[in-house]
N, C-alpha and C. Protein backbone atom coordinates (compact mmCIF):
# COMPACT_ATOMS: atom_id res chain seq x y z
N UNK A 1 -33.92 -149.11 38.89
CA UNK A 1 -33.28 -147.81 38.76
C UNK A 1 -32.49 -147.52 40.02
N UNK A 2 -31.26 -147.13 39.84
CA UNK A 2 -30.41 -146.80 40.98
C UNK A 2 -30.55 -145.31 41.31
N UNK A 3 -30.75 -145.02 42.59
CA UNK A 3 -30.93 -143.65 43.06
C UNK A 3 -29.59 -143.12 43.55
N UNK A 4 -29.32 -141.86 43.25
CA UNK A 4 -28.07 -141.24 43.68
C UNK A 4 -28.05 -141.09 45.20
N UNK A 5 -26.85 -140.98 45.75
CA UNK A 5 -26.71 -140.80 47.20
C UNK A 5 -27.11 -139.38 47.59
N UNK A 6 -27.29 -139.17 48.88
CA UNK A 6 -27.67 -137.85 49.38
C UNK A 6 -26.59 -136.83 49.03
N UNK A 7 -25.34 -137.19 49.20
CA UNK A 7 -24.27 -136.24 48.87
C UNK A 7 -24.26 -135.92 47.38
N UNK A 8 -24.53 -136.91 46.54
CA UNK A 8 -24.61 -136.67 45.11
C UNK A 8 -25.75 -135.73 44.76
N UNK A 9 -26.89 -135.92 45.41
CA UNK A 9 -28.03 -135.04 45.18
C UNK A 9 -27.73 -133.61 45.64
N UNK A 10 -27.06 -133.48 46.80
CA UNK A 10 -26.70 -132.14 47.30
C UNK A 10 -25.79 -131.42 46.32
N UNK A 11 -24.81 -132.15 45.78
CA UNK A 11 -23.88 -131.54 44.82
C UNK A 11 -24.61 -131.07 43.57
N UNK A 12 -25.56 -131.86 43.13
CA UNK A 12 -26.32 -131.50 41.93
C UNK A 12 -27.23 -130.30 42.19
N UNK A 13 -27.82 -130.22 43.39
CA UNK A 13 -28.70 -129.10 43.73
C UNK A 13 -27.96 -127.77 43.75
N UNK A 14 -26.68 -127.79 44.08
CA UNK A 14 -25.87 -126.57 44.13
C UNK A 14 -25.79 -125.93 42.74
N UNK A 15 -25.83 -126.75 41.70
CA UNK A 15 -25.68 -126.25 40.33
C UNK A 15 -27.00 -125.76 39.72
N UNK A 16 -28.09 -125.87 40.44
CA UNK A 16 -29.40 -125.46 39.92
C UNK A 16 -29.65 -123.98 40.19
N UNK A 17 -30.41 -123.37 39.31
CA UNK A 17 -30.79 -121.96 39.52
C UNK A 17 -31.93 -121.90 40.54
N UNK A 18 -32.23 -120.69 40.99
CA UNK A 18 -33.29 -120.51 41.98
C UNK A 18 -34.63 -120.99 41.43
N UNK A 19 -34.92 -120.66 40.19
CA UNK A 19 -36.19 -121.07 39.58
C UNK A 19 -36.28 -122.59 39.46
N UNK A 20 -35.17 -123.21 39.09
CA UNK A 20 -35.16 -124.68 38.96
C UNK A 20 -35.34 -125.34 40.33
N UNK A 21 -34.73 -124.74 41.36
CA UNK A 21 -34.90 -125.28 42.71
C UNK A 21 -36.35 -125.19 43.16
N UNK A 22 -37.01 -124.07 42.85
CA UNK A 22 -38.42 -123.91 43.22
C UNK A 22 -39.26 -124.95 42.50
N UNK A 23 -39.00 -125.18 41.23
CA UNK A 23 -39.74 -126.20 40.47
C UNK A 23 -39.51 -127.59 41.06
N UNK A 24 -38.26 -127.91 41.39
CA UNK A 24 -37.95 -129.21 42.00
C UNK A 24 -38.67 -129.37 43.33
N UNK A 25 -38.68 -128.32 44.12
CA UNK A 25 -39.34 -128.37 45.42
C UNK A 25 -40.84 -128.54 45.26
N UNK A 26 -41.42 -127.83 44.30
CA UNK A 26 -42.86 -127.98 44.06
C UNK A 26 -43.22 -129.40 43.65
N UNK A 27 -42.42 -129.99 42.79
CA UNK A 27 -42.72 -131.36 42.38
C UNK A 27 -42.45 -132.35 43.52
N UNK A 28 -41.49 -132.01 44.36
CA UNK A 28 -41.15 -132.87 45.50
C UNK A 28 -42.29 -132.95 46.51
N UNK A 29 -42.93 -131.81 46.80
CA UNK A 29 -43.97 -131.80 47.83
C UNK A 29 -45.30 -132.33 47.32
N UNK A 30 -45.45 -132.50 46.04
CA UNK A 30 -46.70 -133.04 45.49
C UNK A 30 -46.89 -134.51 45.84
N UNK A 31 -45.82 -135.24 46.04
CA UNK A 31 -45.91 -136.69 46.10
C UNK A 31 -46.02 -137.31 47.48
N UNK A 32 -45.87 -136.53 48.51
CA UNK A 32 -45.93 -137.13 49.84
C UNK A 32 -46.48 -136.13 50.85
N UNK A 33 -47.44 -136.59 51.61
CA UNK A 33 -48.00 -135.75 52.67
C UNK A 33 -46.93 -135.41 53.70
N UNK A 34 -46.06 -136.38 53.96
CA UNK A 34 -44.99 -136.17 54.93
C UNK A 34 -44.02 -135.08 54.46
N UNK A 35 -43.74 -135.03 53.16
CA UNK A 35 -42.88 -133.97 52.63
C UNK A 35 -43.51 -132.60 52.86
N UNK A 36 -44.82 -132.51 52.63
CA UNK A 36 -45.53 -131.25 52.85
C UNK A 36 -45.50 -130.85 54.32
N UNK A 37 -45.70 -131.83 55.20
CA UNK A 37 -45.69 -131.54 56.63
C UNK A 37 -44.31 -131.06 57.08
N UNK A 38 -43.27 -131.71 56.57
CA UNK A 38 -41.91 -131.29 56.92
C UNK A 38 -41.63 -129.89 56.42
N UNK A 39 -41.99 -129.61 55.19
CA UNK A 39 -41.78 -128.27 54.63
C UNK A 39 -42.58 -127.23 55.41
N UNK A 40 -43.79 -127.57 55.79
CA UNK A 40 -44.62 -126.67 56.60
C UNK A 40 -43.92 -126.36 57.92
N UNK A 41 -43.37 -127.39 58.57
CA UNK A 41 -42.65 -127.17 59.83
C UNK A 41 -41.45 -126.25 59.60
N UNK A 42 -40.67 -126.54 58.57
CA UNK A 42 -39.45 -125.76 58.32
C UNK A 42 -39.75 -124.31 57.98
N UNK A 43 -40.84 -124.07 57.26
CA UNK A 43 -41.17 -122.70 56.85
C UNK A 43 -41.90 -121.90 57.92
N UNK A 44 -42.84 -122.56 58.63
CA UNK A 44 -43.74 -121.81 59.50
C UNK A 44 -43.60 -122.08 60.99
N UNK A 45 -43.12 -123.24 61.36
CA UNK A 45 -43.14 -123.63 62.77
C UNK A 45 -41.77 -123.61 63.44
N UNK A 46 -40.72 -123.77 62.69
CA UNK A 46 -39.39 -123.95 63.27
C UNK A 46 -38.99 -122.81 64.20
N UNK A 47 -39.33 -121.60 63.85
CA UNK A 47 -38.95 -120.45 64.67
C UNK A 47 -39.86 -120.25 65.88
N UNK A 48 -40.98 -120.96 65.90
CA UNK A 48 -41.95 -120.82 66.99
C UNK A 48 -42.20 -122.20 67.62
N UNK A 49 -41.15 -122.75 68.21
CA UNK A 49 -41.19 -124.13 68.72
C UNK A 49 -42.25 -124.31 69.81
N UNK A 50 -42.43 -123.31 70.65
CA UNK A 50 -43.44 -123.42 71.72
C UNK A 50 -44.85 -123.56 71.15
N UNK A 51 -45.15 -122.79 70.10
CA UNK A 51 -46.45 -122.92 69.45
C UNK A 51 -46.61 -124.28 68.79
N UNK A 52 -45.53 -124.75 68.19
CA UNK A 52 -45.53 -126.07 67.55
C UNK A 52 -45.84 -127.16 68.57
N UNK A 53 -45.19 -127.08 69.72
CA UNK A 53 -45.42 -128.06 70.79
C UNK A 53 -46.85 -127.98 71.29
N UNK A 54 -47.36 -126.76 71.46
CA UNK A 54 -48.73 -126.58 71.94
C UNK A 54 -49.74 -127.18 70.96
N UNK A 55 -49.53 -126.98 69.66
CA UNK A 55 -50.44 -127.55 68.65
C UNK A 55 -50.42 -129.07 68.69
N UNK A 56 -49.23 -129.63 68.83
CA UNK A 56 -49.11 -131.09 68.87
C UNK A 56 -49.78 -131.63 70.12
N UNK A 57 -49.56 -130.99 71.26
CA UNK A 57 -50.19 -131.43 72.50
C UNK A 57 -51.71 -131.41 72.38
N UNK A 58 -52.22 -130.37 71.74
CA UNK A 58 -53.67 -130.27 71.55
C UNK A 58 -54.17 -131.41 70.67
N UNK A 59 -53.45 -131.69 69.59
CA UNK A 59 -53.85 -132.78 68.69
C UNK A 59 -53.76 -134.14 69.38
N UNK A 60 -52.67 -134.37 70.08
CA UNK A 60 -52.47 -135.65 70.77
C UNK A 60 -53.50 -135.80 71.90
N UNK A 61 -53.77 -134.72 72.60
CA UNK A 61 -54.79 -134.75 73.66
C UNK A 61 -56.14 -135.16 73.11
N UNK A 62 -56.49 -134.62 71.95
CA UNK A 62 -57.74 -135.00 71.31
C UNK A 62 -57.78 -136.47 70.92
N UNK A 63 -56.64 -136.96 70.46
CA UNK A 63 -56.56 -138.39 70.11
C UNK A 63 -56.71 -139.27 71.35
N UNK A 64 -56.12 -138.85 72.45
CA UNK A 64 -56.25 -139.62 73.69
C UNK A 64 -57.70 -139.62 74.18
N UNK A 65 -58.41 -138.51 73.97
CA UNK A 65 -59.81 -138.44 74.39
C UNK A 65 -60.68 -139.42 73.61
N UNK A 66 -60.25 -139.78 72.41
CA UNK A 66 -61.03 -140.69 71.57
C UNK A 66 -60.78 -142.17 71.87
N UNK A 67 -59.80 -142.47 72.70
CA UNK A 67 -59.43 -143.87 72.94
C UNK A 67 -60.57 -144.62 73.61
N UNK A 68 -60.86 -145.79 73.08
CA UNK A 68 -61.88 -146.67 73.64
C UNK A 68 -61.18 -147.61 74.63
N UNK A 69 -61.45 -147.45 75.90
CA UNK A 69 -60.73 -148.23 76.92
C UNK A 69 -61.45 -149.52 77.30
N UNK A 70 -62.45 -149.91 76.53
CA UNK A 70 -63.17 -151.15 76.85
C UNK A 70 -62.40 -152.40 76.44
N UNK A 71 -61.51 -152.27 75.46
CA UNK A 71 -60.76 -153.42 74.97
C UNK A 71 -59.27 -153.09 74.96
N UNK A 72 -58.47 -154.02 75.47
CA UNK A 72 -57.02 -153.83 75.49
C UNK A 72 -56.48 -153.70 74.07
N UNK A 73 -57.04 -154.50 73.16
CA UNK A 73 -56.54 -154.51 71.79
C UNK A 73 -56.75 -153.17 71.11
N UNK A 74 -57.94 -152.62 71.20
CA UNK A 74 -58.19 -151.32 70.56
C UNK A 74 -57.43 -150.21 71.25
N UNK A 75 -57.27 -150.32 72.55
CA UNK A 75 -56.50 -149.33 73.30
C UNK A 75 -55.03 -149.36 72.86
N UNK A 76 -54.49 -150.56 72.73
CA UNK A 76 -53.10 -150.70 72.30
C UNK A 76 -52.90 -150.13 70.91
N UNK A 77 -53.80 -150.44 70.00
CA UNK A 77 -53.69 -149.93 68.63
C UNK A 77 -53.80 -148.40 68.59
N UNK A 78 -54.69 -147.86 69.40
CA UNK A 78 -54.84 -146.40 69.45
C UNK A 78 -53.58 -145.74 70.00
N UNK A 79 -53.03 -146.32 71.05
CA UNK A 79 -51.80 -145.78 71.64
C UNK A 79 -50.65 -145.85 70.65
N UNK A 80 -50.55 -146.96 69.91
CA UNK A 80 -49.49 -147.09 68.91
C UNK A 80 -49.66 -146.06 67.79
N UNK A 81 -50.89 -145.82 67.38
CA UNK A 81 -51.18 -144.83 66.33
C UNK A 81 -50.78 -143.43 66.80
N UNK A 82 -51.14 -143.11 68.04
CA UNK A 82 -50.79 -141.81 68.61
C UNK A 82 -49.27 -141.66 68.69
N UNK A 83 -48.61 -142.71 69.11
CA UNK A 83 -47.16 -142.67 69.24
C UNK A 83 -46.48 -142.51 67.87
N UNK A 84 -46.99 -143.17 66.84
CA UNK A 84 -46.44 -143.00 65.49
C UNK A 84 -46.55 -141.54 65.05
N UNK A 85 -47.69 -140.95 65.31
CA UNK A 85 -47.92 -139.55 64.97
C UNK A 85 -46.95 -138.65 65.74
N UNK A 86 -46.81 -138.91 67.02
CA UNK A 86 -45.92 -138.12 67.87
C UNK A 86 -44.47 -138.23 67.41
N UNK A 87 -44.03 -139.43 67.09
CA UNK A 87 -42.65 -139.64 66.65
C UNK A 87 -42.38 -138.92 65.33
N UNK A 88 -43.39 -138.85 64.47
CA UNK A 88 -43.23 -138.13 63.21
C UNK A 88 -42.99 -136.65 63.48
N UNK A 89 -43.76 -136.07 64.40
CA UNK A 89 -43.58 -134.66 64.73
C UNK A 89 -42.24 -134.42 65.41
N UNK A 90 -41.81 -135.34 66.22
CA UNK A 90 -40.51 -135.22 66.88
C UNK A 90 -39.39 -135.27 65.84
N UNK A 91 -39.57 -136.13 64.85
CA UNK A 91 -38.57 -136.27 63.79
C UNK A 91 -38.41 -134.96 63.01
N UNK A 92 -39.51 -134.26 62.79
CA UNK A 92 -39.43 -132.98 62.08
C UNK A 92 -38.60 -131.98 62.87
N UNK A 93 -38.81 -131.92 64.16
CA UNK A 93 -38.19 -130.92 65.00
C UNK A 93 -36.70 -131.17 65.21
N UNK A 94 -36.33 -132.40 65.48
CA UNK A 94 -34.93 -132.79 65.75
C UNK A 94 -34.35 -132.11 66.99
N UNK A 95 -35.20 -131.63 67.88
CA UNK A 95 -34.72 -130.97 69.10
C UNK A 95 -35.03 -131.85 70.29
N UNK A 96 -34.03 -132.06 71.13
CA UNK A 96 -34.19 -132.93 72.30
C UNK A 96 -35.23 -132.37 73.27
N UNK A 97 -35.26 -131.04 73.41
CA UNK A 97 -36.23 -130.44 74.33
C UNK A 97 -37.66 -130.74 73.89
N UNK A 98 -37.91 -130.64 72.59
CA UNK A 98 -39.23 -130.93 72.05
C UNK A 98 -39.58 -132.39 72.27
N UNK A 99 -38.61 -133.26 72.01
CA UNK A 99 -38.84 -134.70 72.19
C UNK A 99 -39.22 -135.02 73.62
N UNK A 100 -38.46 -134.49 74.57
CA UNK A 100 -38.73 -134.77 75.97
C UNK A 100 -40.09 -134.22 76.38
N UNK A 101 -40.37 -132.99 75.98
CA UNK A 101 -41.63 -132.37 76.37
C UNK A 101 -42.83 -133.14 75.83
N UNK A 102 -42.74 -133.57 74.58
CA UNK A 102 -43.85 -134.30 73.97
C UNK A 102 -43.99 -135.71 74.55
N UNK A 103 -42.88 -136.37 74.82
CA UNK A 103 -42.96 -137.71 75.39
C UNK A 103 -43.45 -137.68 76.84
N UNK A 104 -43.07 -136.65 77.58
CA UNK A 104 -43.59 -136.50 78.94
C UNK A 104 -45.11 -136.30 78.88
N UNK A 105 -45.55 -135.48 77.94
CA UNK A 105 -46.99 -135.26 77.77
C UNK A 105 -47.69 -136.56 77.40
N UNK A 106 -47.08 -137.33 76.50
CA UNK A 106 -47.64 -138.63 76.11
C UNK A 106 -47.79 -139.55 77.32
N UNK A 107 -46.75 -139.63 78.13
CA UNK A 107 -46.80 -140.50 79.32
C UNK A 107 -47.82 -140.00 80.34
N UNK A 108 -47.91 -138.69 80.49
CA UNK A 108 -48.91 -138.14 81.41
C UNK A 108 -50.32 -138.49 80.94
N UNK A 109 -50.55 -138.40 79.66
CA UNK A 109 -51.87 -138.74 79.13
C UNK A 109 -52.15 -140.23 79.25
N UNK A 110 -51.11 -141.05 79.10
CA UNK A 110 -51.31 -142.49 79.30
C UNK A 110 -51.69 -142.76 80.76
N UNK A 111 -51.05 -142.06 81.68
CA UNK A 111 -51.40 -142.19 83.09
C UNK A 111 -52.82 -141.72 83.34
N UNK A 112 -53.24 -140.72 82.60
CA UNK A 112 -54.59 -140.18 82.75
C UNK A 112 -55.68 -141.12 82.26
N UNK A 113 -55.30 -142.16 81.53
CA UNK A 113 -56.30 -143.13 81.05
C UNK A 113 -56.86 -143.98 82.19
N UNK A 114 -56.18 -143.96 83.31
CA UNK A 114 -56.62 -144.72 84.49
C UNK A 114 -56.70 -146.22 84.21
N UNK A 115 -55.69 -146.69 83.49
CA UNK A 115 -55.61 -148.13 83.25
C UNK A 115 -54.39 -148.66 84.01
N UNK A 116 -54.49 -149.83 84.57
CA UNK A 116 -53.31 -150.40 85.23
C UNK A 116 -52.33 -150.90 84.16
N UNK A 117 -51.23 -150.17 84.01
CA UNK A 117 -50.25 -150.51 82.97
C UNK A 117 -49.68 -151.91 83.15
N UNK A 118 -49.58 -152.35 84.40
CA UNK A 118 -48.98 -153.66 84.67
C UNK A 118 -49.83 -154.83 84.17
N UNK A 119 -51.10 -154.58 83.87
CA UNK A 119 -51.98 -155.67 83.44
C UNK A 119 -51.81 -156.03 81.97
N UNK A 120 -51.21 -155.16 81.18
CA UNK A 120 -50.98 -155.45 79.78
C UNK A 120 -49.51 -155.21 79.45
N UNK A 121 -48.75 -156.28 79.20
CA UNK A 121 -47.31 -156.12 78.98
C UNK A 121 -46.96 -155.29 77.74
N UNK A 122 -47.79 -155.33 76.71
CA UNK A 122 -47.48 -154.59 75.50
C UNK A 122 -47.57 -153.09 75.77
N UNK A 123 -48.64 -152.66 76.42
CA UNK A 123 -48.80 -151.24 76.75
C UNK A 123 -47.73 -150.80 77.74
N UNK A 124 -47.40 -151.67 78.69
CA UNK A 124 -46.32 -151.36 79.64
C UNK A 124 -44.99 -151.17 78.91
N UNK A 125 -44.70 -152.03 77.94
CA UNK A 125 -43.45 -151.91 77.19
C UNK A 125 -43.41 -150.64 76.34
N UNK A 126 -44.55 -150.26 75.78
CA UNK A 126 -44.62 -149.00 75.04
C UNK A 126 -44.24 -147.85 75.96
N UNK A 127 -44.82 -147.86 77.15
CA UNK A 127 -44.56 -146.82 78.15
C UNK A 127 -43.08 -146.80 78.54
N UNK A 128 -42.52 -147.98 78.80
CA UNK A 128 -41.11 -148.05 79.21
C UNK A 128 -40.17 -147.58 78.11
N UNK A 129 -40.49 -147.90 76.85
CA UNK A 129 -39.65 -147.45 75.74
C UNK A 129 -39.62 -145.92 75.65
N UNK A 130 -40.74 -145.29 75.98
CA UNK A 130 -40.77 -143.83 75.94
C UNK A 130 -39.91 -143.25 77.05
N UNK A 131 -39.90 -143.92 78.20
CA UNK A 131 -39.04 -143.47 79.30
C UNK A 131 -37.56 -143.57 78.90
N UNK A 132 -37.21 -144.65 78.22
CA UNK A 132 -35.83 -144.82 77.74
C UNK A 132 -35.48 -143.72 76.74
N UNK A 133 -36.41 -143.44 75.82
CA UNK A 133 -36.17 -142.38 74.82
C UNK A 133 -35.97 -141.03 75.48
N UNK A 134 -36.79 -140.74 76.49
CA UNK A 134 -36.66 -139.46 77.20
C UNK A 134 -35.30 -139.36 77.88
N UNK A 135 -34.89 -140.43 78.54
CA UNK A 135 -33.60 -140.40 79.24
C UNK A 135 -32.44 -140.27 78.27
N UNK A 136 -32.56 -140.89 77.11
CA UNK A 136 -31.51 -140.78 76.09
C UNK A 136 -31.43 -139.34 75.57
N UNK A 137 -32.57 -138.74 75.32
CA UNK A 137 -32.59 -137.35 74.84
C UNK A 137 -32.10 -136.40 75.93
N UNK A 138 -32.39 -136.73 77.18
CA UNK A 138 -31.98 -135.89 78.30
C UNK A 138 -30.46 -135.75 78.37
N UNK A 139 -29.75 -136.82 78.03
CA UNK A 139 -28.29 -136.81 78.10
C UNK A 139 -27.66 -135.86 77.08
N UNK A 140 -28.40 -135.51 76.03
CA UNK A 140 -27.86 -134.62 75.00
C UNK A 140 -28.03 -133.14 75.34
N UNK A 141 -28.77 -132.85 76.40
CA UNK A 141 -29.06 -131.46 76.77
C UNK A 141 -27.98 -130.88 77.69
N UNK A 142 -27.97 -129.58 77.79
CA UNK A 142 -27.10 -128.86 78.72
C UNK A 142 -27.54 -129.19 80.15
N UNK A 143 -26.63 -129.11 81.10
CA UNK A 143 -26.90 -129.49 82.49
C UNK A 143 -28.10 -128.76 83.09
N UNK A 144 -28.22 -127.47 82.82
CA UNK A 144 -29.34 -126.71 83.38
C UNK A 144 -30.68 -127.23 82.87
N UNK A 145 -30.74 -127.50 81.57
CA UNK A 145 -31.97 -128.04 80.99
C UNK A 145 -32.23 -129.46 81.49
N UNK A 146 -31.16 -130.22 81.68
CA UNK A 146 -31.32 -131.58 82.21
C UNK A 146 -32.02 -131.54 83.56
N UNK A 147 -31.60 -130.62 84.39
CA UNK A 147 -32.20 -130.50 85.73
C UNK A 147 -33.68 -130.16 85.63
N UNK A 148 -34.02 -129.26 84.71
CA UNK A 148 -35.42 -128.84 84.55
C UNK A 148 -36.31 -130.01 84.12
N UNK A 149 -35.84 -130.78 83.18
CA UNK A 149 -36.66 -131.87 82.64
C UNK A 149 -36.60 -133.13 83.49
N UNK A 150 -35.55 -133.28 84.29
CA UNK A 150 -35.39 -134.50 85.09
C UNK A 150 -36.57 -134.71 86.06
N UNK A 151 -37.07 -133.64 86.64
CA UNK A 151 -38.21 -133.76 87.55
C UNK A 151 -39.45 -134.30 86.84
N UNK A 152 -39.71 -133.79 85.64
CA UNK A 152 -40.87 -134.26 84.88
C UNK A 152 -40.72 -135.74 84.52
N UNK A 153 -39.52 -136.11 84.12
CA UNK A 153 -39.29 -137.51 83.75
C UNK A 153 -39.42 -138.41 84.96
N UNK A 154 -38.93 -137.95 86.11
CA UNK A 154 -39.06 -138.77 87.32
C UNK A 154 -40.51 -138.96 87.72
N UNK A 155 -41.34 -137.94 87.51
CA UNK A 155 -42.77 -138.06 87.85
C UNK A 155 -43.43 -139.15 87.01
N UNK A 156 -43.16 -139.16 85.71
CA UNK A 156 -43.80 -140.16 84.86
C UNK A 156 -43.14 -141.53 85.02
N UNK A 157 -41.88 -141.55 85.47
CA UNK A 157 -41.17 -142.83 85.69
C UNK A 157 -41.65 -143.52 86.95
N UNK A 158 -42.14 -142.73 87.91
CA UNK A 158 -42.53 -143.31 89.19
C UNK A 158 -43.77 -144.20 89.09
N UNK A 159 -44.47 -144.12 87.97
CA UNK A 159 -45.70 -144.90 87.78
C UNK A 159 -45.40 -146.39 87.59
N UNK A 160 -44.27 -146.70 86.97
CA UNK A 160 -43.92 -148.09 86.67
C UNK A 160 -42.62 -148.46 87.39
N UNK A 161 -42.46 -149.74 87.61
CA UNK A 161 -41.21 -150.24 88.15
C UNK A 161 -40.26 -150.49 87.00
N UNK A 162 -39.11 -149.86 87.08
CA UNK A 162 -38.16 -149.98 85.98
C UNK A 162 -37.16 -151.05 86.27
């Protein structure tokens, strides 16, 4: 079955009545947890970005507290799982400020694990990729905001040799 393009779907949605749109939306959110999470963000969290960030930090902090640091393999898998979750929340927001703030928090928590990042290249590369993502997002911000976030990024960057 061939699926219509996004622009085709948008054009078709314009011709639907309000009741039909509500029915379509209800059936849409039934099939994916991610759809429900995105709709929840758009309806309840989008206007309160600071609260959204605080909730995510609390959730991610709890996940970091659960990490078993006895094995590199389990630690790597836990960090990757946390990062997948974090990236999903960043994707919902689409705001560079949120991305930078959450990635800085992620890197700070990784530093808080008290593990030598240089001893495991996979974990080190995960860390470095987040630094690259932060710097890329930083370039999209206004100069004043860039200055504010640059200090935080430099603090977490100083842990590894780039």
